[in-house]
């Protein structure tokens, strides 16, 4: 049974480093607009990660203009992901940082891990 599952799984994207909740990341995605293709950057805090084979994903949250929170979920094995860069690691005590949705300003900051 494992051989059948492995034959269907897509390959691991080598441009994605080891990710943890609380990381500040920059995700570069290839976006297709009509006949053109361009790269778009999405920068924010990683609030959730699921590493479960083919359907593993991670969610990144950032604060857009006027203090509006924007979350975006990316597939770990997607060929549309060009690269993921970890800018900084933060010290967190849980794996799902959903409490950041209710916070703004200084209370939404995470302590940096050295």
C-alpha atoms as a PDB file:
ATOM      1  CA  UNK A   1       0.000   0.000   0.000  1.00  0.00           C
ATOM      2  CA  UNK A   2       2.828   2.419   0.790  1.00  0.00           C
ATOM      3  CA  UNK A   3       4.285   1.986  -2.696  1.00  0.00           C
ATOM      4  CA  UNK A   4       1.003   3.050  -4.268  1.00  0.00           C
ATOM      5  CA  UNK A   5       0.803   6.168  -2.090  1.00  0.00           C
ATOM      6  CA  UNK A   6       4.430   7.092  -2.795  1.00  0.00           C
ATOM      7  CA  UNK A   7       3.877   6.771  -6.545  1.00  0.00           C
ATOM      8  CA  UNK A   8       1.037   9.327  -6.407  1.00  0.00           C
ATOM      9  CA  UNK A   9       2.785  11.874  -4.165  1.00  0.00           C
ATOM     10  CA  UNK A  10       4.369  14.924  -5.734  1.00  0.00           C
ATOM     11  CA  UNK A  11       8.069  15.653  -5.105  1.00  0.00           C
ATOM     12  CA  UNK A  12       9.180  17.823  -2.197  1.00  0.00           C
ATOM     13  CA  UNK A  13       9.976  21.425  -3.136  1.00  0.00           C
ATOM     14  CA  UNK A  14      13.725  21.947  -2.431  1.00  0.00           C
ATOM     15  CA  UNK A  15      13.307  25.751  -2.160  1.00  0.00           C
ATOM     16  CA  UNK A  16      11.331  25.538   1.085  1.00  0.00           C
ATOM     17  CA  UNK A  17      13.464  25.470   4.269  1.00  0.00           C
ATOM     18  CA  UNK A  18      12.436  24.026   7.628  1.00  0.00           C
ATOM     19  CA  UNK A  19       9.519  26.139   8.872  1.00  0.00           C
ATOM     20  CA  UNK A  20       8.118  26.627  12.374  1.00  0.00           C
ATOM     21  CA  UNK A  21       5.208  28.587  13.790  1.00  0.00           C
ATOM     22  CA  UNK A  22       6.141  32.162  14.620  1.00  0.00           C
ATOM     23  CA  UNK A  23       8.670  32.556  11.800  1.00  0.00           C
ATOM     24  CA  UNK A  24       8.653  35.782   9.790  1.00  0.00           C
ATOM     25  CA  UNK A  25       8.744  34.554   6.200  1.00  0.00           C
ATOM     26  CA  UNK A  26       8.776  35.911   2.676  1.00  0.00           C
ATOM     27  CA  UNK A  27       6.963  33.671   0.207  1.00  0.00           C
ATOM     28  CA  UNK A  28       7.584  34.162  -3.505  1.00  0.00           C
ATOM     29  CA  UNK A  29       4.725  32.856  -5.679  1.00  0.00           C
ATOM     30  CA  UNK A  30       4.456  32.653  -9.445  1.00  0.00           C
ATOM     31  CA  UNK A  31       1.198  34.284 -10.571  1.00  0.00           C
ATOM     32  CA  UNK A  32      -0.216  33.943 -14.050  1.00  0.00           C
ATOM     33  CA  UNK A  33      -2.144  36.929 -15.409  1.00  0.00           C
ATOM     34  CA  UNK A  34      -3.409  36.227 -18.895  1.00  0.00           C
ATOM     35  CA  UNK A  35      -0.372  35.324 -20.962  1.00  0.00           C
ATOM     36  CA  UNK A  36       2.145  36.885 -18.557  1.00  0.00           C
ATOM     37  CA  UNK A  37       3.683  35.271 -15.513  1.00  0.00           C
ATOM     38  CA  UNK A  38       5.233  37.217 -12.657  1.00  0.00           C
ATOM     39  CA  UNK A  39       6.528  36.660  -9.136  1.00  0.00           C
ATOM     40  CA  UNK A  40       4.711  38.131  -6.157  1.00  0.00           C
ATOM     41  CA  UNK A  41       6.064  38.373  -2.630  1.00  0.00           C
ATOM     42  CA  UNK A  42       3.902  37.765   0.448  1.00  0.00           C
ATOM     43  CA  UNK A  43       5.608  38.700   3.717  1.00  0.00           C
ATOM     44  CA  UNK A  44       4.192  37.873   7.139  1.00  0.00           C
ATOM     45  CA  UNK A  45       4.136  35.666  10.240  1.00  0.00           C
ATOM     46  CA  UNK A  46       3.705  31.933   9.901  1.00  0.00           C
ATOM     47  CA  UNK A  47       0.748  31.098  12.145  1.00  0.00           C
ATOM     48  CA  UNK A  48       0.080  27.473  11.180  1.00  0.00           C
ATOM     49  CA  UNK A  49       1.849  24.587   9.487  1.00  0.00           C
ATOM     50  CA  UNK A  50       0.562  21.136   8.551  1.00  0.00           C
ATOM     51  CA  UNK A  51       3.139  18.639   7.289  1.00  0.00           C
ATOM     52  CA  UNK A  52       1.018  15.733   6.142  1.00  0.00           C
ATOM     53  CA  UNK A  53       2.338  14.385   2.876  1.00  0.00           C
ATOM     54  CA  UNK A  54       0.868  15.647  -0.354  1.00  0.00           C
ATOM     55  CA  UNK A  55      -1.650  18.046   1.186  1.00  0.00           C
ATOM     56  CA  UNK A  56       0.701  19.707   3.668  1.00  0.00           C
ATOM     57  CA  UNK A  57       0.278  23.474   3.872  1.00  0.00           C
ATOM     58  CA  UNK A  58       1.192  26.548   5.868  1.00  0.00           C
ATOM     59  CA  UNK A  59      -0.658  29.782   6.609  1.00  0.00           C
ATOM     60  CA  UNK A  60       0.980  33.203   6.632  1.00  0.00           C
ATOM     61  CA  UNK A  61      -0.631  36.286   8.164  1.00  0.00           C
ATOM     62  CA  UNK A  62       0.278  39.907   7.530  1.00  0.00           C
ATOM     63  CA  UNK A  63      -1.263  43.273   8.338  1.00  0.00           C
ATOM     64  CA  UNK A  64      -2.270  45.137   5.182  1.00  0.00           C
ATOM     65  CA  UNK A  65      -3.139  48.823   4.904  1.00  0.00           C
ATOM     66  CA  UNK A  66      -5.515  50.343   7.462  1.00  0.00           C
ATOM     67  CA  UNK A  67      -4.744  47.553   9.942  1.00  0.00           C
ATOM     68  CA  UNK A  68      -6.643  44.863   8.043  1.00  0.00           C
ATOM     69  CA  UNK A  69      -5.275  41.347   8.591  1.00  0.00           C
ATOM     70  CA  UNK A  70      -4.720  39.174   5.533  1.00  0.00           C
ATOM     71  CA  UNK A  71      -4.066  35.435   5.733  1.00  0.00           C
ATOM     72  CA  UNK A  72      -2.981  33.237   2.883  1.00  0.00           C
ATOM     73  CA  UNK A  73      -2.479  29.471   2.797  1.00  0.00           C
ATOM     74  CA  UNK A  74       0.177  27.861   0.603  1.00  0.00           C
ATOM     75  CA  UNK A  75       0.695  24.210  -0.330  1.00  0.00           C
ATOM     76  CA  UNK A  76       4.117  22.899   0.701  1.00  0.00           C
ATOM     77  CA  UNK A  77       4.596  20.861  -2.482  1.00  0.00           C
ATOM     78  CA  UNK A  78       3.176  23.371  -4.929  1.00  0.00           C
ATOM     79  CA  UNK A  79       5.213  24.002  -8.087  1.00  0.00           C
ATOM     80  CA  UNK A  80       3.949  27.624  -7.994  1.00  0.00           C
ATOM     81  CA  UNK A  81       6.128  28.375  -4.935  1.00  0.00           C
ATOM     82  CA  UNK A  82       9.445  29.756  -6.137  1.00  0.00           C
ATOM     83  CA  UNK A  83      11.099  30.074  -2.754  1.00  0.00           C
ATOM     84  CA  UNK A  84      10.468  30.754   0.906  1.00  0.00           C
ATOM     85  CA  UNK A  85      12.901  32.868   2.918  1.00  0.00           C
ATOM     86  CA  UNK A  86      12.857  32.860   6.721  1.00  0.00           C
ATOM     87  CA  UNK A  87      13.682  36.374   7.942  1.00  0.00           C
ATOM     88  CA  UNK A  88      13.560  35.685  11.670  1.00  0.00           C
ATOM     89  CA  UNK A  89      12.529  33.049  14.189  1.00  0.00           C
ATOM     90  CA  UNK A  90      10.267  33.949  17.089  1.00  0.00           C
ATOM     91  CA  UNK A  91       9.887  32.261  20.443  1.00  0.00           C
ATOM     92  CA  UNK A  92       6.392  30.778  20.664  1.00  0.00           C
ATOM     93  CA  UNK A  93       4.823  28.272  23.018  1.00  0.00           C
ATOM     94  CA  UNK A  94       2.189  26.786  20.748  1.00  0.00           C
ATOM     95  CA  UNK A  95       1.925  25.545  17.185  1.00  0.00           C
ATOM     96  CA  UNK A  96      -1.236  27.396  16.084  1.00  0.00           C
ATOM     97  CA  UNK A  97      -1.006  31.153  16.619  1.00  0.00           C
ATOM     98  CA  UNK A  98      -4.669  31.979  16.048  1.00  0.00           C
ATOM     99  CA  UNK A  99      -4.654  34.371  19.020  1.00  0.00           C
ATOM    100  CA  UNK A 100      -2.795  36.876  16.817  1.00  0.00           C
ATOM    101  CA  UNK A 101      -6.027  37.443  14.882  1.00  0.00           C
ATOM    102  CA  UNK A 102      -7.534  39.352  17.815  1.00  0.00           C
ATOM    103  CA  UNK A 103      -4.466  41.453  18.567  1.00  0.00           C
ATOM    104  CA  UNK A 104      -3.078  44.632  17.057  1.00  0.00           C
ATOM    105  CA  UNK A 105      -0.061  46.825  17.739  1.00  0.00           C
ATOM    106  CA  UNK A 106       2.438  45.913  20.426  1.00  0.00           C
ATOM    107  CA  UNK A 107       0.424  42.964  21.768  1.00  0.00           C
ATOM    108  CA  UNK A 108       0.679  41.258  18.375  1.00  0.00           C
ATOM    109  CA  UNK A 109       4.483  41.219  18.445  1.00  0.00           C
ATOM    110  CA  UNK A 110       6.440  38.043  19.081  1.00  0.00           C
ATOM    111  CA  UNK A 111       9.803  37.880  20.845  1.00  0.00           C
ATOM    112  CA  UNK A 112      12.738  37.087  18.597  1.00  0.00           C
ATOM    113  CA  UNK A 113      14.608  33.831  19.144  1.00  0.00           C
ATOM    114  CA  UNK A 114      18.386  33.995  18.756  1.00  0.00           C
END
